[in-house]
Amino acid sequence: MNASKRFAAHSAVFLILACAMAVAAPAHAVDVEVEVSGLTQTEGRVMVGVFTDAGTWLKKAATGVSAEANQQKDGKLLIKLQNLPEGSLALSVFHDVNGNGQLDSNAMGMPKEPYGFSNNAAGMFGPPKFEKAVFEAKAGARLNVQLN
């Protein structure tokens, strides 16, 4: 293959990769701080799930972050969420006291570990709807989530 054909082939591959990366990357990535309050124990981890739409709400988080509960001070813990897509998001937060990686519930399906949602949204006979927990992710935003 001569040099011009090689250059054309490499250029085409680069163009395809650049287009794929542009589609996959969020328009603007932002950092958001979440202050979790209501922690009463220092064991385990505080888990934060970030959701981008109602279809995946509480089923499949777009991303997640956790922090050691023993880092709390006076029942509060500050968690930084980085590189979130700018726009409408919702958070689910829970204190995984026993460290098994999931929100434990009783036989009736009621959570046995502390939990909360962005906007401190609450549901009737179950978790809140995505729309109640939605907030606008903007650079420098700081949310407060109270654990129940």
C-alpha atoms as a PDB file:
ATOM      1  CA  MET A   1       0.000   0.000   0.000  1.00  0.00           C
ATOM      2  CA  ASN A   2       1.463   3.345  -0.980  1.00  0.00           C
ATOM      3  CA  ALA A   3       1.802   6.285   1.414  1.00  0.00           C
ATOM      4  CA  SER A   4      -1.291   8.174   0.227  1.00  0.00           C
ATOM      5  CA  LYS A   5      -3.541   5.120   0.590  1.00  0.00           C
ATOM      6  CA  ARG A   6      -2.120   4.448   4.071  1.00  0.00           C
ATOM      7  CA  PHE A   7      -2.739   8.082   5.033  1.00  0.00           C
ATOM      8  CA  ALA A   8      -6.330   7.891   3.733  1.00  0.00           C
ATOM      9  CA  ALA A   9      -6.965   4.636   5.640  1.00  0.00           C
ATOM     10  CA  HIS A  10      -5.516   6.044   8.872  1.00  0.00           C
ATOM     11  CA  SER A  11      -7.504   9.262   8.415  1.00  0.00           C
ATOM     12  CA  ALA A  12     -10.721   7.295   7.973  1.00  0.00           C
ATOM     13  CA  VAL A  13     -10.054   5.239  11.108  1.00  0.00           C
ATOM     14  CA  PHE A  14      -9.246   8.411  13.064  1.00  0.00           C
ATOM     15  CA  LEU A  15     -12.414  10.116  11.823  1.00  0.00           C
ATOM     16  CA  ILE A  16     -14.562   7.110  12.830  1.00  0.00           C
ATOM     17  CA  LEU A  17     -12.952   6.983  16.298  1.00  0.00           C
ATOM     18  CA  ALA A  18     -13.344  10.742  16.768  1.00  0.00           C
ATOM     19  CA  CYS A  19     -17.046  10.567  15.855  1.00  0.00           C
ATOM     20  CA  ALA A  20     -17.604   7.628  18.199  1.00  0.00           C
ATOM     21  CA  MET A  21     -15.876   9.442  21.054  1.00  0.00           C
ATOM     22  CA  ALA A  22     -17.889  12.611  20.423  1.00  0.00           C
ATOM     23  CA  VAL A  23     -21.145  10.653  20.637  1.00  0.00           C
ATOM     24  CA  ALA A  24     -20.080   8.816  23.806  1.00  0.00           C
ATOM     25  CA  ALA A  25     -18.769  11.857  25.686  1.00  0.00           C
ATOM     26  CA  PRO A  26     -21.213  14.090  27.543  1.00  0.00           C
ATOM     27  CA  ALA A  27     -21.608  17.613  26.207  1.00  0.00           C
ATOM     28  CA  HIS A  28     -20.336  19.069  29.487  1.00  0.00           C
ATOM     29  CA  ALA A  29     -19.084  17.109  32.455  1.00  0.00           C
ATOM     30  CA  VAL A  30     -19.769  18.684  35.845  1.00  0.00           C
ATOM     31  CA  ASP A  31     -18.845  17.952  39.446  1.00  0.00           C
ATOM     32  CA  VAL A  32     -21.547  17.945  42.123  1.00  0.00           C
ATOM     33  CA  GLU A  33     -21.163  17.691  45.889  1.00  0.00           C
ATOM     34  CA  VAL A  34     -23.655  15.720  47.959  1.00  0.00           C
ATOM     35  CA  GLU A  35     -23.904  16.293  51.688  1.00  0.00           C
ATOM     36  CA  VAL A  36     -25.459  13.195  53.241  1.00  0.00           C
ATOM     37  CA  SER A  37     -26.890  13.761  56.715  1.00  0.00           C
ATOM     38  CA  GLY A  38     -28.592  11.538  59.250  1.00  0.00           C
ATOM     39  CA  LEU A  39     -25.759   9.025  59.598  1.00  0.00           C
ATOM     40  CA  THR A  40     -25.957   7.331  62.972  1.00  0.00           C
ATOM     41  CA  GLN A  41     -23.334   4.596  62.536  1.00  0.00           C
ATOM     42  CA  THR A  42     -19.729   4.523  61.349  1.00  0.00           C
ATOM     43  CA  GLU A  43     -19.711   0.994  59.923  1.00  0.00           C
ATOM     44  CA  GLY A  44     -20.026   0.246  56.204  1.00  0.00           C
ATOM     45  CA  ARG A  45     -20.215   2.571  53.217  1.00  0.00           C
ATOM     46  CA  VAL A  46     -22.521   5.288  51.952  1.00  0.00           C
ATOM     47  CA  MET A  47     -23.542   4.450  48.386  1.00  0.00           C
ATOM     48  CA  VAL A  48     -24.735   7.005  45.806  1.00  0.00           C
ATOM     49  CA  GLY A  49     -26.348   5.982  42.519  1.00  0.00           C
ATOM     50  CA  VAL A  50     -26.770   8.517  39.702  1.00  0.00           C
ATOM     51  CA  PHE A  51     -29.698   8.035  37.317  1.00  0.00           C
ATOM     52  CA  THR A  52     -30.318   9.827  34.028  1.00  0.00           C
ATOM     53  CA  ASP A  53     -33.900   8.816  33.160  1.00  0.00           C
ATOM     54  CA  ALA A  54     -37.130   7.331  34.478  1.00  0.00           C
ATOM     55  CA  GLY A  55     -36.619   4.076  32.571  1.00  0.00           C
ATOM     56  CA  THR A  56     -33.517   3.142  34.550  1.00  0.00           C
ATOM     57  CA  TRP A  57     -34.566   4.796  37.852  1.00  0.00           C
ATOM     58  CA  LEU A  58     -33.566   2.524  40.758  1.00  0.00           C
ATOM     59  CA  LYS A  59     -32.761  -0.301  38.324  1.00  0.00           C
ATOM     60  CA  LYS A  60     -29.474   0.582  36.652  1.00  0.00           C
ATOM     61  CA  ALA A  61     -27.434   3.567  37.754  1.00  0.00           C
ATOM     62  CA  ALA A  62     -25.496   5.459  35.103  1.00  0.00           C
ATOM     63  CA  THR A  63     -22.668   5.736  37.614  1.00  0.00           C
ATOM     64  CA  GLY A  64     -22.109   5.304  41.307  1.00  0.00           C
ATOM     65  CA  VAL A  65     -19.808   6.439  44.060  1.00  0.00           C
ATOM     66  CA  SER A  66     -19.293   5.292  47.619  1.00  0.00           C
ATOM     67  CA  ALA A  67     -17.514   6.607  50.677  1.00  0.00           C
ATOM     68  CA  GLU A  68     -16.540   5.067  53.998  1.00  0.00           C
ATOM     69  CA  ALA A  69     -19.138   5.889  56.650  1.00  0.00           C
ATOM     70  CA  ASN A  70     -16.400   6.341  59.243  1.00  0.00           C
ATOM     71  CA  GLN A  71     -15.383   9.554  57.414  1.00  0.00           C
ATOM     72  CA  GLN A  72     -18.533  11.268  58.655  1.00  0.00           C
ATOM     73  CA  LYS A  73     -18.481  14.142  61.086  1.00  0.00           C
ATOM     74  CA  ASP A  74     -21.451  14.842  63.329  1.00  0.00           C
ATOM     75  CA  GLY A  75     -23.648  12.524  61.251  1.00  0.00           C
ATOM     76  CA  LYS A  76     -22.749  14.233  57.945  1.00  0.00           C
ATOM     77  CA  LEU A  77     -20.606  13.104  55.048  1.00  0.00           C
ATOM     78  CA  LEU A  78     -19.609  15.100  51.965  1.00  0.00           C
ATOM     79  CA  ILE A  79     -19.298  13.057  48.759  1.00  0.00           C
ATOM     80  CA  LYS A  80     -18.018  14.507  45.478  1.00  0.00           C
ATOM     81  CA  LEU A  81     -19.541  13.193  42.259  1.00  0.00           C
ATOM     82  CA  GLN A  82     -17.240  13.873  39.314  1.00  0.00           C
ATOM     83  CA  ASN A  83     -17.724  14.015  35.548  1.00  0.00           C
ATOM     84  CA  LEU A  84     -21.512  13.854  35.607  1.00  0.00           C
ATOM     85  CA  PRO A  85     -23.429  14.803  32.486  1.00  0.00           C
ATOM     86  CA  GLU A  86     -24.869  18.298  32.779  1.00  0.00           C
ATOM     87  CA  GLY A  87     -28.667  18.312  32.912  1.00  0.00           C
ATOM     88  CA  SER A  88     -31.465  16.387  34.610  1.00  0.00           C
ATOM     89  CA  LEU A  89     -30.301  13.684  37.039  1.00  0.00           C
ATOM     90  CA  ALA A  90     -31.629  11.950  40.158  1.00  0.00           C
ATOM     91  CA  LEU A  91     -29.767  10.365  43.067  1.00  0.00           C
ATOM     92  CA  SER A  92     -30.439   7.391  45.274  1.00  0.00           C
ATOM     93  CA  VAL A  93     -28.376   7.207  48.472  1.00  0.00           C
ATOM     94  CA  PHE A  94     -28.182   4.509  51.119  1.00  0.00           C
ATOM     95  CA  HIS A  95     -25.968   3.565  54.049  1.00  0.00           C
ATOM     96  CA  ASP A  96     -24.783   0.007  53.467  1.00  0.00           C
ATOM     97  CA  VAL A  97     -24.185  -0.627  57.154  1.00  0.00           C
ATOM     98  CA  ASN A  98     -23.250  -4.312  56.822  1.00  0.00           C
ATOM     99  CA  GLY A  99     -21.080  -3.787  53.725  1.00  0.00           C
ATOM    100  CA  ASN A 100     -22.811  -6.316  51.473  1.00  0.00           C
ATOM    101  CA  GLY A 101     -23.179  -3.845  48.573  1.00  0.00           C
ATOM    102  CA  GLN A 102     -26.973  -3.684  48.567  1.00  0.00           C
ATOM    103  CA  LEU A 103     -29.867  -2.010  50.351  1.00  0.00           C
ATOM    104  CA  ASP A 104     -31.229  -4.686  52.663  1.00  0.00           C
ATOM    105  CA  SER A 105     -34.998  -4.957  53.095  1.00  0.00           C
ATOM    106  CA  ASN A 106     -37.379  -6.946  55.276  1.00  0.00           C
ATOM    107  CA  ALA A 107     -39.921  -9.541  54.092  1.00  0.00           C
ATOM    108  CA  MET A 108     -42.379  -6.729  53.244  1.00  0.00           C
ATOM    109  CA  GLY A 109     -39.790  -5.007  51.037  1.00  0.00           C
ATOM    110  CA  MET A 110     -39.213  -2.121  53.449  1.00  0.00           C
ATOM    111  CA  PRO A 111     -35.573  -0.970  53.658  1.00  0.00           C
ATOM    112  CA  LYS A 112     -33.722  -2.047  56.797  1.00  0.00           C
ATOM    113  CA  GLU A 113     -30.819   0.342  56.154  1.00  0.00           C
ATOM    114  CA  PRO A 114     -30.950   4.162  56.002  1.00  0.00           C
ATOM    115  CA  TYR A 115     -31.744   5.606  52.553  1.00  0.00           C
ATOM    116  CA  GLY A 116     -32.623   8.870  50.832  1.00  0.00           C
ATOM    117  CA  PHE A 117     -33.052  10.553  47.454  1.00  0.00           C
ATOM    118  CA  SER A 118     -32.122  13.828  45.797  1.00  0.00           C
ATOM    119  CA  ASN A 119     -34.579  16.628  46.668  1.00  0.00           C
ATOM    120  CA  ASN A 120     -35.281  14.499  49.766  1.00  0.00           C
ATOM    121  CA  ALA A 121     -38.057  13.053  47.618  1.00  0.00           C
ATOM    122  CA  ALA A 122     -40.439  10.616  49.276  1.00  0.00           C
ATOM    123  CA  GLY A 123     -42.869   8.157  47.769  1.00  0.00           C
ATOM    124  CA  MET A 124     -46.196   6.814  48.897  1.00  0.00           C
ATOM    125  CA  PHE A 125     -46.007   3.065  49.613  1.00  0.00           C
ATOM    126  CA  GLY A 126     -42.686   2.771  47.819  1.00  0.00           C
ATOM    127  CA  PRO A 127     -39.831   4.834  46.437  1.00  0.00           C
ATOM    128  CA  PRO A 128     -40.480   8.235  44.862  1.00  0.00           C
ATOM    129  CA  LYS A 129     -40.939   8.667  41.137  1.00  0.00           C
ATOM    130  CA  PHE A 130     -37.904   9.769  39.141  1.00  0.00           C
ATOM    131  CA  GLU A 131     -39.553  13.154  38.485  1.00  0.00           C
ATOM    132  CA  LYS A 132     -39.709  13.923  42.234  1.00  0.00           C
ATOM    133  CA  ALA A 133     -35.982  13.293  42.662  1.00  0.00           C
ATOM    134  CA  VAL A 134     -34.761  15.112  39.521  1.00  0.00           C
ATOM    135  CA  PHE A 135     -32.375  18.022  39.894  1.00  0.00           C
ATOM    136  CA  GLU A 136     -30.372  20.032  37.370  1.00  0.00           C
ATOM    137  CA  ALA A 137     -26.705  19.083  37.518  1.00  0.00           C
ATOM    138  CA  LYS A 138     -24.645  22.222  37.076  1.00  0.00           C
ATOM    139  CA  ALA A 139     -21.006  22.910  37.815  1.00  0.00           C
ATOM    140  CA  GLY A 140     -20.491  23.582  41.511  1.00  0.00           C
ATOM    141  CA  ALA A 141     -23.946  22.356  42.577  1.00  0.00           C
ATOM    142  CA  ARG A 142     -24.296  21.095  46.137  1.00  0.00           C
ATOM    143  CA  LEU A 143     -27.188  18.866  47.222  1.00  0.00           C
ATOM    144  CA  ASN A 144     -28.312  17.806  50.662  1.00  0.00           C
ATOM    145  CA  VAL A 145     -29.749  14.316  51.157  1.00  0.00           C
ATOM    146  CA  GLN A 146     -31.256  13.361  54.512  1.00  0.00           C
ATOM    147  CA  LEU A 147     -31.205   9.630  55.262  1.00  0.00           C
ATOM    148  CA  ASN A 148     -34.411   8.077  56.625  1.00  0.00           C
END
